[in-house]
Amino acid sequence: MNPIIQKSGLSVAGMLVAGGCALGPAVAAQAAPVQGPPISASQTDRGTDRSAERILGIDYQAQPNFYYCGPAATRIALSAQGKALSQDEVAKLLGTSEAGTPSALDTTRVLNELTGGKYRTTEIRDSVARPEQVEQLRRDVLAAVDGGRPVVANVKGTTVDTDGNPHSYEGGHYLTLVGYRDGGDTIRVADPADPALGEYWVSLSKVANWVAERGYSS
């Protein structure tokens, strides 16, 4: 039986599910949309040049409450693909409640329903991502972003971005991976719970370990 489905009924402690979404104290209302930077790519042969970079243009919105991280992150991904839905519309499709969004399977399902079926769910079952899982995440992010599809990731715990800012979601959180640089060694994160920054860079290995015991839609 698929462990994602087995654990989809769990909340805060559940693996591979949202559980509940953290919301920073400064977030009291939904932020106004902010258009992200346009797509740009430095080159196409990532196998020989580690300088490859691409960032997708998005319509960023912060989540309006503690449990809407799934709808907000999914909506950000949809916005890069020309789909203009409200967070409430996405929440209804996802089955989001105050317990959160049930599973990464749901974000994949809704993204496929609305964008043509190219998304798939990948889980990292280990508590710490193995090297091959880190490389799988790199391949998946590069393929998705190069195809114009942001990745929706279900994360848990604390990580630190490249500027030294900590981001802590011990109860679970959904966010959107919208770009990469350095050939995928660094990942661009659009975080609906952090409108002060909106987007920030995190190393690939840290993103993989953030996703550990959960999953992502790419």
N, C-alpha and C. Protein backbone atom coordinates (compact mmCIF):
# COMPACT_ATOMS: atom_id res chain seq x y z
N MET A 1 0.85 -1.20 0.00
CA MET A 1 0.00 0.00 0.00
C MET A 1 0.88 1.24 0.00
N ASN A 2 0.45 2.21 -0.72
CA ASN A 2 1.24 3.43 -0.81
C ASN A 2 1.30 4.13 0.54
N PRO A 3 2.51 4.39 1.08
CA PRO A 3 2.61 5.02 2.40
C PRO A 3 2.06 6.42 2.43
N ILE A 4 2.01 7.09 1.30
CA ILE A 4 1.41 8.43 1.28
C ILE A 4 -0.07 8.31 1.65
N ILE A 5 -0.74 7.34 1.04
CA ILE A 5 -2.15 7.14 1.33
C ILE A 5 -2.34 6.67 2.77
N GLN A 6 -1.50 5.77 3.21
CA GLN A 6 -1.60 5.26 4.58
C GLN A 6 -1.55 6.40 5.59
N LYS A 7 -0.74 7.38 5.35
CA LYS A 7 -0.50 8.43 6.33
C LYS A 7 -1.31 9.68 6.05
N SER A 8 -2.17 9.63 5.03
CA SER A 8 -2.88 10.85 4.65
C SER A 8 -3.88 11.29 5.70
N GLY A 9 -4.24 10.41 6.62
CA GLY A 9 -5.17 10.81 7.66
C GLY A 9 -4.49 11.44 8.86
N LEU A 10 -3.16 11.42 8.91
CA LEU A 10 -2.46 12.01 10.03
C LEU A 10 -2.37 13.51 9.87
N SER A 11 -2.09 14.19 10.97
CA SER A 11 -2.00 15.63 10.88
C SER A 11 -0.59 16.08 11.16
N VAL A 12 -0.34 16.74 12.28
CA VAL A 12 0.96 17.37 12.52
C VAL A 12 2.11 16.38 12.42
N ALA A 13 1.95 15.18 12.95
CA ALA A 13 3.06 14.24 12.97
C ALA A 13 3.11 13.38 11.72
N GLY A 14 2.15 13.50 10.81
CA GLY A 14 2.08 12.61 9.66
C GLY A 14 3.17 12.87 8.65
N MET A 15 3.70 11.81 8.09
CA MET A 15 4.68 11.93 7.03
C MET A 15 3.95 12.15 5.72
N LEU A 16 4.57 12.93 4.83
CA LEU A 16 4.10 13.12 3.48
C LEU A 16 2.76 13.83 3.40
N VAL A 17 2.35 14.49 4.45
CA VAL A 17 1.13 15.27 4.41
C VAL A 17 1.41 16.65 4.99
N ALA A 18 0.48 17.56 4.76
CA ALA A 18 0.68 18.92 5.24
C ALA A 18 0.59 19.00 6.75
N GLY A 19 -0.40 18.34 7.32
CA GLY A 19 -0.61 18.38 8.75
C GLY A 19 -1.24 19.69 9.16
N GLY A 20 -0.50 20.74 9.14
CA GLY A 20 -0.97 22.08 9.41
C GLY A 20 0.06 23.02 8.89
N CYS A 21 -0.33 24.19 8.50
CA CYS A 21 0.62 25.12 7.89
C CYS A 21 0.97 26.22 8.87
N ALA A 22 2.25 26.44 9.04
CA ALA A 22 2.69 27.52 9.91
C ALA A 22 2.46 28.86 9.23
N LEU A 23 2.18 29.86 10.04
CA LEU A 23 1.97 31.20 9.52
C LEU A 23 2.69 32.16 10.44
N GLY A 24 3.56 32.94 9.86
CA GLY A 24 4.33 33.89 10.65
C GLY A 24 3.45 34.93 11.31
N PRO A 25 3.87 35.50 12.45
CA PRO A 25 3.03 36.44 13.19
C PRO A 25 2.73 37.71 12.41
N ALA A 26 3.55 38.03 11.42
CA ALA A 26 3.31 39.26 10.66
C ALA A 26 2.26 39.07 9.59
N VAL A 27 1.82 37.82 9.34
CA VAL A 27 0.87 37.56 8.28
C VAL A 27 -0.53 37.58 8.84
N ALA A 28 -1.22 38.66 8.62
CA ALA A 28 -2.58 38.77 9.12
C ALA A 28 -3.60 38.71 8.00
N ALA A 29 -3.18 38.99 6.78
CA ALA A 29 -4.09 39.00 5.64
C ALA A 29 -3.32 38.61 4.40
N GLN A 30 -4.05 38.26 3.37
CA GLN A 30 -3.42 37.85 2.12
C GLN A 30 -2.70 39.02 1.48
N ALA A 31 -1.47 38.80 1.09
CA ALA A 31 -0.70 39.86 0.46
C ALA A 31 -1.15 40.08 -0.97
N ALA A 32 -0.94 41.29 -1.47
CA ALA A 32 -1.25 41.59 -2.85
C ALA A 32 -0.33 40.81 -3.77
N PRO A 33 -0.83 40.36 -4.94
CA PRO A 33 0.02 39.61 -5.85
C PRO A 33 1.24 40.42 -6.28
N VAL A 34 2.37 39.75 -6.37
CA VAL A 34 3.59 40.37 -6.84
C VAL A 34 4.12 39.54 -7.99
N GLN A 35 4.33 40.14 -9.14
CA GLN A 35 4.79 39.40 -10.29
C GLN A 35 6.25 39.04 -10.14
N GLY A 36 6.58 37.79 -10.30
CA GLY A 36 7.95 37.33 -10.19
C GLY A 36 8.74 37.68 -11.42
N PRO A 37 10.07 37.42 -11.40
CA PRO A 37 10.92 37.73 -12.52
C PRO A 37 10.62 36.84 -13.71
N PRO A 38 10.90 37.28 -14.93
CA PRO A 38 10.64 36.48 -16.11
C PRO A 38 11.58 35.29 -16.18
N ILE A 39 11.19 34.31 -17.00
CA ILE A 39 12.04 33.16 -17.21
C ILE A 39 13.34 33.59 -17.86
N SER A 40 14.46 33.07 -17.36
CA SER A 40 15.74 33.32 -18.00
C SER A 40 16.60 32.09 -17.84
N ALA A 41 17.30 31.70 -18.90
CA ALA A 41 18.17 30.53 -18.85
C ALA A 41 19.54 30.90 -19.38
N SER A 42 20.58 30.53 -18.66
CA SER A 42 21.92 30.91 -19.08
C SER A 42 22.46 30.01 -20.17
N GLN A 43 22.03 28.76 -20.19
CA GLN A 43 22.48 27.84 -21.22
C GLN A 43 21.67 26.56 -21.13
N THR A 44 21.91 25.61 -22.03
CA THR A 44 21.09 24.43 -22.07
C THR A 44 21.82 23.16 -21.66
N ASP A 45 23.12 23.12 -21.72
CA ASP A 45 23.86 21.90 -21.40
C ASP A 45 24.30 21.91 -19.95
N ARG A 46 23.40 21.46 -19.05
CA ARG A 46 23.71 21.48 -17.63
C ARG A 46 24.74 20.42 -17.27
N GLY A 47 24.91 19.42 -18.15
CA GLY A 47 25.84 18.37 -17.83
C GLY A 47 27.29 18.83 -17.83
N THR A 48 27.60 19.88 -18.57
CA THR A 48 28.97 20.35 -18.65
C THR A 48 29.16 21.73 -18.07
N ASP A 49 28.09 22.43 -17.81
CA ASP A 49 28.18 23.80 -17.30
C ASP A 49 27.29 23.93 -16.08
N ARG A 50 27.89 24.04 -14.90
CA ARG A 50 27.12 24.11 -13.67
C ARG A 50 26.55 25.50 -13.41
N SER A 51 26.65 26.40 -14.40
CA SER A 51 26.12 27.75 -14.20
C SER A 51 24.67 27.89 -14.65
N ALA A 52 24.06 26.80 -15.10
CA ALA A 52 22.69 26.88 -15.61
C ALA A 52 21.75 27.51 -14.59
N GLU A 53 20.89 28.40 -15.08
CA GLU A 53 19.96 29.12 -14.19
C GLU A 53 18.66 29.38 -14.91
N ARG A 54 17.56 29.21 -14.18
CA ARG A 54 16.24 29.54 -14.73
C ARG A 54 15.30 29.88 -13.57
N ILE A 55 14.54 30.95 -13.73
CA ILE A 55 13.54 31.35 -12.73
C ILE A 55 12.24 31.60 -13.46
N LEU A 56 11.15 31.00 -12.97
CA LEU A 56 9.85 31.19 -13.58
C LEU A 56 9.16 32.43 -13.03
N GLY A 57 8.46 33.12 -13.88
CA GLY A 57 7.62 34.23 -13.44
C GLY A 57 6.36 33.71 -12.78
N ILE A 58 6.05 34.23 -11.62
CA ILE A 58 4.87 33.77 -10.87
C ILE A 58 4.05 34.97 -10.39
N ASP A 59 2.84 34.67 -9.99
CA ASP A 59 1.99 35.65 -9.30
C ASP A 59 1.94 35.20 -7.84
N TYR A 60 2.74 35.85 -7.01
CA TYR A 60 2.87 35.45 -5.61
C TYR A 60 1.70 35.99 -4.78
N GLN A 61 1.16 35.14 -3.94
CA GLN A 61 0.22 35.56 -2.89
C GLN A 61 0.57 34.82 -1.61
N ALA A 62 0.52 35.53 -0.50
CA ALA A 62 0.70 34.89 0.80
C ALA A 62 -0.56 34.12 1.19
N GLN A 63 -0.39 33.12 2.02
CA GLN A 63 -1.55 32.40 2.54
C GLN A 63 -2.26 33.29 3.56
N PRO A 64 -3.61 33.28 3.59
CA PRO A 64 -4.35 34.18 4.48
C PRO A 64 -4.58 33.63 5.87
N ASN A 65 -4.26 32.35 6.09
CA ASN A 65 -4.49 31.73 7.40
C ASN A 65 -3.48 30.60 7.58
N PHE A 66 -3.51 29.95 8.75
CA PHE A 66 -2.47 28.98 9.08
C PHE A 66 -2.57 27.68 8.30
N TYR A 67 -3.74 27.38 7.71
CA TYR A 67 -3.91 26.08 7.06
C TYR A 67 -4.01 26.14 5.54
N TYR A 68 -3.81 27.33 4.96
CA TYR A 68 -3.95 27.48 3.51
C TYR A 68 -2.62 27.40 2.76
N CYS A 69 -1.58 26.84 3.36
CA CYS A 69 -0.31 26.78 2.64
C CYS A 69 -0.42 25.92 1.40
N GLY A 70 -1.17 24.80 1.46
CA GLY A 70 -1.34 23.95 0.29
C GLY A 70 -2.00 24.66 -0.87
N PRO A 71 -3.16 25.28 -0.65
CA PRO A 71 -3.79 26.05 -1.74
C PRO A 71 -2.91 27.20 -2.24
N ALA A 72 -2.24 27.90 -1.33
CA ALA A 72 -1.41 29.03 -1.75
C ALA A 72 -0.23 28.57 -2.60
N ALA A 73 0.45 27.51 -2.16
CA ALA A 73 1.59 27.01 -2.92
C ALA A 73 1.16 26.45 -4.27
N THR A 74 0.04 25.74 -4.29
CA THR A 74 -0.47 25.19 -5.55
C THR A 74 -0.90 26.30 -6.49
N ARG A 75 -1.53 27.33 -5.94
CA ARG A 75 -1.97 28.46 -6.75
C ARG A 75 -0.76 29.18 -7.38
N ILE A 76 0.32 29.33 -6.60
CA ILE A 76 1.54 29.95 -7.15
C ILE A 76 2.04 29.14 -8.34
N ALA A 77 2.06 27.80 -8.19
CA ALA A 77 2.50 26.96 -9.30
C ALA A 77 1.60 27.11 -10.51
N LEU A 78 0.31 27.19 -10.28
CA LEU A 78 -0.64 27.36 -11.38
C LEU A 78 -0.47 28.70 -12.08
N SER A 79 -0.13 29.73 -11.32
CA SER A 79 -0.02 31.07 -11.91
C SER A 79 1.08 31.13 -12.95
N ALA A 80 2.15 30.36 -12.77
CA ALA A 80 3.24 30.34 -13.74
C ALA A 80 2.82 29.69 -15.05
N GLN A 81 1.70 28.96 -15.00
CA GLN A 81 1.22 28.24 -16.17
C GLN A 81 -0.04 28.86 -16.74
N GLY A 82 -0.28 30.12 -16.36
CA GLY A 82 -1.39 30.88 -16.93
C GLY A 82 -2.74 30.55 -16.36
N LYS A 83 -2.79 29.90 -15.19
CA LYS A 83 -4.05 29.53 -14.57
C LYS A 83 -4.36 30.50 -13.43
N ALA A 84 -5.44 31.26 -13.58
CA ALA A 84 -5.77 32.29 -12.60
C ALA A 84 -6.94 31.82 -11.73
N LEU A 85 -6.61 31.14 -10.64
CA LEU A 85 -7.61 30.68 -9.69
C LEU A 85 -7.37 31.36 -8.36
N SER A 86 -8.42 31.48 -7.57
CA SER A 86 -8.26 32.00 -6.22
C SER A 86 -7.80 30.89 -5.29
N GLN A 87 -7.27 31.27 -4.14
CA GLN A 87 -6.88 30.26 -3.16
C GLN A 87 -8.09 29.46 -2.68
N ASP A 88 -9.23 30.09 -2.56
CA ASP A 88 -10.43 29.38 -2.13
C ASP A 88 -10.82 28.31 -3.15
N GLU A 89 -10.71 28.64 -4.44
CA GLU A 89 -11.03 27.66 -5.48
C GLU A 89 -10.08 26.48 -5.42
N VAL A 90 -8.79 26.76 -5.23
CA VAL A 90 -7.81 25.68 -5.16
C VAL A 90 -8.02 24.85 -3.90
N ALA A 91 -8.33 25.51 -2.79
CA ALA A 91 -8.57 24.80 -1.53
C ALA A 91 -9.72 23.81 -1.67
N LYS A 92 -10.77 24.20 -2.35
CA LYS A 92 -11.91 23.31 -2.55
C LYS A 92 -11.50 22.08 -3.35
N LEU A 93 -10.72 22.28 -4.40
CA LEU A 93 -10.26 21.16 -5.22
C LEU A 93 -9.33 20.23 -4.44
N LEU A 94 -8.50 20.81 -3.57
CA LEU A 94 -7.54 20.02 -2.80
C LEU A 94 -8.18 19.28 -1.63
N GLY A 95 -9.35 19.72 -1.20
CA GLY A 95 -9.94 19.14 0.00
C GLY A 95 -9.31 19.68 1.27
N THR A 96 -8.83 20.92 1.22
CA THR A 96 -8.16 21.53 2.36
C THR A 96 -9.17 21.87 3.46
N SER A 97 -8.78 21.61 4.70
CA SER A 97 -9.57 21.97 5.86
C SER A 97 -8.63 22.60 6.88
N GLU A 98 -9.12 22.86 8.07
CA GLU A 98 -8.26 23.42 9.11
C GLU A 98 -7.18 22.43 9.54
N ALA A 99 -7.31 21.17 9.17
CA ALA A 99 -6.26 20.18 9.42
C ALA A 99 -5.17 20.24 8.37
N GLY A 100 -5.35 21.06 7.34
CA GLY A 100 -4.36 21.19 6.29
C GLY A 100 -4.82 20.54 5.00
N THR A 101 -3.89 20.38 4.07
CA THR A 101 -4.14 19.70 2.80
C THR A 101 -3.69 18.25 2.96
N PRO A 102 -4.54 17.28 2.64
CA PRO A 102 -4.28 15.89 3.03
C PRO A 102 -2.94 15.32 2.61
N SER A 103 -2.52 15.52 1.36
CA SER A 103 -1.36 14.77 0.88
C SER A 103 -0.75 15.41 -0.35
N ALA A 104 0.55 15.12 -0.58
CA ALA A 104 1.18 15.51 -1.83
C ALA A 104 0.48 14.89 -3.02
N LEU A 105 -0.18 13.77 -2.82
CA LEU A 105 -0.98 13.19 -3.90
C LEU A 105 -2.08 14.15 -4.35
N ASP A 106 -2.61 14.92 -3.41
CA ASP A 106 -3.67 15.86 -3.76
C ASP A 106 -3.15 17.05 -4.56
N THR A 107 -1.98 17.56 -4.19
CA THR A 107 -1.43 18.66 -4.99
C THR A 107 -1.12 18.17 -6.41
N THR A 108 -0.60 16.95 -6.53
CA THR A 108 -0.35 16.40 -7.87
C THR A 108 -1.64 16.24 -8.64
N ARG A 109 -2.65 15.70 -7.98
CA ARG A 109 -3.93 15.48 -8.65
C ARG A 109 -4.52 16.78 -9.19
N VAL A 110 -4.54 17.80 -8.36
CA VAL A 110 -5.15 19.07 -8.78
C VAL A 110 -4.31 19.75 -9.86
N LEU A 111 -3.00 19.72 -9.70
CA LEU A 111 -2.15 20.30 -10.75
C LEU A 111 -2.37 19.60 -12.08
N ASN A 112 -2.50 18.28 -12.06
CA ASN A 112 -2.75 17.55 -13.30
C ASN A 112 -4.13 17.85 -13.88
N GLU A 113 -5.12 17.96 -13.01
CA GLU A 113 -6.47 18.28 -13.49
C GLU A 113 -6.50 19.62 -14.24
N LEU A 114 -5.67 20.55 -13.80
CA LEU A 114 -5.74 21.91 -14.33
C LEU A 114 -4.68 22.23 -15.37
N THR A 115 -3.66 21.38 -15.50
CA THR A 115 -2.56 21.73 -16.41
C THR A 115 -2.22 20.67 -17.44
N GLY A 116 -2.94 19.55 -17.47
CA GLY A 116 -2.69 18.61 -18.55
C GLY A 116 -1.99 17.32 -18.19
N GLY A 117 -1.74 17.07 -16.91
CA GLY A 117 -1.32 15.75 -16.51
C GLY A 117 0.16 15.43 -16.55
N LYS A 118 1.06 16.42 -16.46
CA LYS A 118 2.49 16.15 -16.51
C LYS A 118 3.13 15.99 -15.12
N TYR A 119 2.40 16.32 -14.08
CA TYR A 119 2.95 16.23 -12.73
C TYR A 119 2.93 14.79 -12.21
N ARG A 120 3.87 14.46 -11.34
CA ARG A 120 3.87 13.19 -10.64
C ARG A 120 4.35 13.43 -9.21
N THR A 121 4.00 12.52 -8.32
CA THR A 121 4.38 12.64 -6.91
C THR A 121 5.64 11.81 -6.65
N THR A 122 6.60 12.41 -5.98
CA THR A 122 7.80 11.71 -5.55
C THR A 122 7.92 11.87 -4.04
N GLU A 123 8.19 10.76 -3.35
CA GLU A 123 8.34 10.83 -1.91
C GLU A 123 9.78 10.55 -1.52
N ILE A 124 10.21 11.18 -0.45
CA ILE A 124 11.50 10.88 0.17
C ILE A 124 11.17 10.27 1.52
N ARG A 125 11.24 8.95 1.60
CA ARG A 125 10.75 8.25 2.79
C ARG A 125 11.71 8.35 3.96
N ASP A 126 12.99 8.56 3.67
CA ASP A 126 14.00 8.57 4.73
C ASP A 126 13.91 9.86 5.54
N SER A 127 14.43 9.82 6.78
CA SER A 127 14.44 11.00 7.63
C SER A 127 15.49 12.01 7.17
N VAL A 128 16.51 11.52 6.47
CA VAL A 128 17.52 12.36 5.83
C VAL A 128 17.64 11.89 4.39
N ALA A 129 17.61 12.81 3.45
CA ALA A 129 17.66 12.43 2.05
C ALA A 129 19.00 11.78 1.70
N ARG A 130 18.94 10.65 1.02
CA ARG A 130 20.15 9.99 0.54
C ARG A 130 20.69 10.73 -0.69
N PRO A 131 21.96 10.56 -1.01
CA PRO A 131 22.54 11.28 -2.17
C PRO A 131 21.74 11.07 -3.45
N GLU A 132 21.28 9.85 -3.67
CA GLU A 132 20.51 9.60 -4.90
C GLU A 132 19.16 10.31 -4.88
N GLN A 133 18.61 10.51 -3.68
CA GLN A 133 17.34 11.25 -3.58
C GLN A 133 17.56 12.74 -3.81
N VAL A 134 18.70 13.25 -3.36
CA VAL A 134 19.05 14.65 -3.64
C VAL A 134 19.19 14.85 -5.14
N GLU A 135 19.87 13.93 -5.81
CA GLU A 135 20.06 14.05 -7.25
C GLU A 135 18.75 13.88 -8.00
N GLN A 136 17.86 13.03 -7.49
CA GLN A 136 16.54 12.89 -8.10
C GLN A 136 15.77 14.19 -8.01
N LEU A 137 15.84 14.84 -6.85
CA LEU A 137 15.17 16.13 -6.70
C LEU A 137 15.74 17.14 -7.69
N ARG A 138 17.08 17.15 -7.85
CA ARG A 138 17.68 18.07 -8.82
C ARG A 138 17.11 17.82 -10.21
N ARG A 139 17.11 16.56 -10.64
CA ARG A 139 16.60 16.25 -11.97
C ARG A 139 15.14 16.65 -12.12
N ASP A 140 14.36 16.38 -11.07
CA ASP A 140 12.93 16.69 -11.15
C ASP A 140 12.68 18.20 -11.20
N VAL A 141 13.41 18.96 -10.39
CA VAL A 141 13.23 20.42 -10.40
C VAL A 141 13.66 20.99 -11.74
N LEU A 142 14.81 20.56 -12.24
CA LEU A 142 15.28 21.09 -13.52
C LEU A 142 14.33 20.76 -14.65
N ALA A 143 13.84 19.51 -14.69
CA ALA A 143 12.93 19.12 -15.75
C ALA A 143 11.61 19.89 -15.67
N ALA A 144 11.09 20.02 -14.45
CA ALA A 144 9.82 20.72 -14.29
C ALA A 144 9.95 22.20 -14.62
N VAL A 145 10.96 22.86 -14.05
CA VAL A 145 11.12 24.30 -14.28
C VAL A 145 11.44 24.58 -15.75
N ASP A 146 12.28 23.75 -16.35
CA ASP A 146 12.56 23.92 -17.77
C ASP A 146 11.30 23.74 -18.61
N GLY A 147 10.34 22.97 -18.11
CA GLY A 147 9.07 22.79 -18.79
C GLY A 147 8.02 23.81 -18.40
N GLY A 148 8.41 24.82 -17.60
CA GLY A 148 7.48 25.86 -17.20
C GLY A 148 6.58 25.49 -16.04
N ARG A 149 6.94 24.43 -15.29
CA ARG A 149 6.10 23.95 -14.19
C ARG A 149 6.81 24.10 -12.86
N PRO A 150 6.40 25.01 -12.00
CA PRO A 150 6.94 25.01 -10.64
C PRO A 150 6.61 23.72 -9.92
N VAL A 151 7.44 23.39 -8.94
CA VAL A 151 7.26 22.19 -8.12
C VAL A 151 6.61 22.58 -6.80
N VAL A 152 5.62 21.82 -6.36
CA VAL A 152 5.01 22.05 -5.05
C VAL A 152 5.59 21.01 -4.09
N ALA A 153 6.23 21.49 -3.03
CA ALA A 153 6.91 20.60 -2.08
C ALA A 153 6.24 20.67 -0.72
N ASN A 154 6.12 19.49 -0.09
CA ASN A 154 5.61 19.38 1.27
C ASN A 154 6.82 19.21 2.18
N VAL A 155 7.07 20.15 3.06
CA VAL A 155 8.27 20.15 3.89
C VAL A 155 7.91 20.10 5.37
N LYS A 156 8.93 19.80 6.18
CA LYS A 156 8.75 19.80 7.63
C LYS A 156 10.08 20.08 8.29
N GLY A 157 10.05 20.89 9.34
CA GLY A 157 11.27 21.19 10.08
C GLY A 157 11.83 22.55 9.75
N THR A 158 13.12 22.71 10.01
CA THR A 158 13.78 24.01 9.87
C THR A 158 14.92 23.93 8.87
N THR A 159 15.04 24.94 8.04
CA THR A 159 16.21 25.07 7.18
C THR A 159 16.65 26.52 7.19
N VAL A 160 17.80 26.78 6.60
CA VAL A 160 18.36 28.13 6.54
C VAL A 160 18.66 28.45 5.09
N ASP A 161 18.21 29.62 4.62
CA ASP A 161 18.44 29.97 3.22
C ASP A 161 19.86 30.49 3.02
N THR A 162 20.18 30.83 1.78
CA THR A 162 21.56 31.21 1.45
C THR A 162 21.95 32.55 2.06
N ASP A 163 20.98 33.34 2.51
CA ASP A 163 21.28 34.60 3.18
C ASP A 163 21.36 34.45 4.69
N GLY A 164 21.20 33.22 5.18
CA GLY A 164 21.30 32.97 6.61
C GLY A 164 19.99 33.11 7.37
N ASN A 165 18.87 33.25 6.67
CA ASN A 165 17.57 33.37 7.34
C ASN A 165 16.98 31.99 7.61
N PRO A 166 16.57 31.71 8.86
CA PRO A 166 15.95 30.42 9.15
C PRO A 166 14.48 30.42 8.75
N HIS A 167 14.00 29.24 8.38
CA HIS A 167 12.59 29.04 8.03
C HIS A 167 12.15 27.76 8.70
N SER A 168 11.24 27.87 9.67
CA SER A 168 10.89 26.75 10.53
C SER A 168 9.41 26.41 10.42
N TYR A 169 9.12 25.17 10.04
CA TYR A 169 7.75 24.68 9.90
C TYR A 169 7.67 23.28 10.52
N GLU A 170 7.71 23.23 11.82
CA GLU A 170 7.75 21.95 12.51
C GLU A 170 6.45 21.15 12.34
N GLY A 171 5.35 21.84 12.11
CA GLY A 171 4.08 21.15 11.91
C GLY A 171 3.79 20.78 10.48
N GLY A 172 4.70 21.11 9.56
CA GLY A 172 4.49 20.82 8.15
C GLY A 172 4.08 22.05 7.37
N HIS A 173 4.41 22.06 6.09
CA HIS A 173 4.17 23.24 5.26
C HIS A 173 4.28 22.86 3.79
N TYR A 174 3.52 23.55 2.95
CA TYR A 174 3.68 23.46 1.51
C TYR A 174 4.29 24.76 1.01
N LEU A 175 5.20 24.65 0.05
CA LEU A 175 5.76 25.81 -0.62
C LEU A 175 6.09 25.43 -2.06
N THR A 176 6.54 26.40 -2.85
CA THR A 176 6.68 26.22 -4.29
C THR A 176 8.13 26.45 -4.70
N LEU A 177 8.67 25.53 -5.48
CA LEU A 177 10.03 25.65 -6.01
C LEU A 177 9.91 26.21 -7.43
N VAL A 178 10.40 27.42 -7.63
CA VAL A 178 10.10 28.16 -8.86
C VAL A 178 11.32 28.41 -9.74
N GLY A 179 12.48 27.93 -9.35
CA GLY A 179 13.65 28.16 -10.17
C GLY A 179 14.87 27.48 -9.60
N TYR A 180 15.98 27.61 -10.31
CA TYR A 180 17.25 27.05 -9.87
C TYR A 180 18.39 27.88 -10.41
N ARG A 181 19.56 27.73 -9.82
CA ARG A 181 20.79 28.32 -10.34
C ARG A 181 21.93 27.34 -10.04
N ASP A 182 23.10 27.66 -10.55
CA ASP A 182 24.27 26.79 -10.34
C ASP A 182 24.00 25.37 -10.78
N GLY A 183 23.27 25.23 -11.88
CA GLY A 183 22.97 23.90 -12.39
C GLY A 183 22.04 23.10 -11.51
N GLY A 184 21.33 23.75 -10.62
CA GLY A 184 20.41 23.06 -9.71
C GLY A 184 20.96 22.86 -8.32
N ASP A 185 22.18 23.35 -8.06
CA ASP A 185 22.73 23.26 -6.71
C ASP A 185 21.98 24.14 -5.72
N THR A 186 21.30 25.17 -6.23
CA THR A 186 20.55 26.11 -5.40
C THR A 186 19.16 26.26 -5.99
N ILE A 187 18.14 26.21 -5.13
CA ILE A 187 16.75 26.20 -5.56
C ILE A 187 16.04 27.46 -5.09
N ARG A 188 15.25 28.05 -5.98
CA ARG A 188 14.46 29.23 -5.66
C ARG A 188 13.12 28.81 -5.05
N VAL A 189 12.84 29.29 -3.85
CA VAL A 189 11.63 28.92 -3.12
C VAL A 189 10.69 30.12 -3.06
N ALA A 190 9.44 29.91 -3.42
CA ALA A 190 8.38 30.89 -3.17
C ALA A 190 7.59 30.37 -1.98
N ASP A 191 7.60 31.12 -0.88
CA ASP A 191 7.06 30.65 0.39
C ASP A 191 5.82 31.45 0.75
N PRO A 192 4.62 30.84 0.69
CA PRO A 192 3.40 31.60 0.96
C PRO A 192 3.25 32.03 2.41
N ALA A 193 4.07 31.48 3.32
CA ALA A 193 4.00 31.88 4.73
C ALA A 193 4.99 32.98 5.08
N ASP A 194 5.73 33.47 4.10
CA ASP A 194 6.77 34.47 4.38
C ASP A 194 6.69 35.62 3.39
N PRO A 195 5.64 36.45 3.47
CA PRO A 195 5.51 37.56 2.52
C PRO A 195 6.58 38.62 2.67
N ALA A 196 7.25 38.66 3.81
CA ALA A 196 8.33 39.65 3.98
C ALA A 196 9.45 39.40 2.97
N LEU A 197 9.75 38.12 2.72
CA LEU A 197 10.74 37.76 1.72
C LEU A 197 10.07 37.35 0.41
N GLY A 198 9.00 36.62 0.50
CA GLY A 198 8.32 36.12 -0.69
C GLY A 198 9.08 34.96 -1.30
N GLU A 199 10.26 35.24 -1.82
CA GLU A 199 11.09 34.22 -2.44
C GLU A 199 12.49 34.28 -1.86
N TYR A 200 13.15 33.12 -1.82
CA TYR A 200 14.52 33.06 -1.33
C TYR A 200 15.20 31.81 -1.91
N TRP A 201 16.52 31.76 -1.79
CA TRP A 201 17.30 30.65 -2.31
C TRP A 201 17.70 29.70 -1.18
N VAL A 202 17.64 28.39 -1.46
CA VAL A 202 18.05 27.37 -0.51
C VAL A 202 18.88 26.33 -1.27
N SER A 203 19.93 25.81 -0.65
CA SER A 203 20.74 24.82 -1.33
C SER A 203 19.92 23.56 -1.60
N LEU A 204 20.27 22.86 -2.66
CA LEU A 204 19.54 21.65 -3.07
C LEU A 204 19.48 20.63 -1.95
N SER A 205 20.59 20.36 -1.29
CA SER A 205 20.60 19.34 -0.24
C SER A 205 19.69 19.73 0.93
N LYS A 206 19.65 21.02 1.25
CA LYS A 206 18.77 21.46 2.34
C LYS A 206 17.31 21.31 1.95
N VAL A 207 16.97 21.61 0.70
CA VAL A 207 15.59 21.41 0.25
C VAL A 207 15.22 19.94 0.34
N ALA A 208 16.11 19.06 -0.11
CA ALA A 208 15.83 17.63 -0.07
C ALA A 208 15.59 17.15 1.36
N ASN A 209 16.42 17.61 2.29
CA ASN A 209 16.24 17.22 3.69
C ASN A 209 15.00 17.86 4.31
N TRP A 210 14.59 18.99 3.81
CA TRP A 210 13.35 19.64 4.24
C TRP A 210 12.16 18.79 3.82
N VAL A 211 12.25 18.18 2.63
CA VAL A 211 11.18 17.34 2.11
C VAL A 211 11.20 15.94 2.72
N ALA A 212 12.31 15.56 3.36
CA ALA A 212 12.47 14.20 3.87
C ALA A 212 11.28 13.79 4.74
N GLU A 213 10.85 12.56 4.54
CA GLU A 213 9.66 11.95 5.17
C GLU A 213 8.36 12.47 4.60
N ARG A 214 8.47 13.24 3.55
CA ARG A 214 7.27 13.78 2.88
C ARG A 214 7.41 13.62 1.38
N GLY A 215 6.87 14.51 0.59
CA GLY A 215 6.92 14.35 -0.86
C GLY A 215 6.74 15.65 -1.59
N TYR A 216 6.82 15.57 -2.93
CA TYR A 216 6.68 16.76 -3.76
C TYR A 216 6.01 16.41 -5.08
N SER A 217 5.41 17.41 -5.70
CA SER A 217 4.74 17.28 -7.00
C SER A 217 5.58 17.99 -8.04
N SER A 218 6.06 17.26 -9.04
CA SER A 218 6.92 17.87 -10.07
C SER A 218 6.51 17.44 -11.48
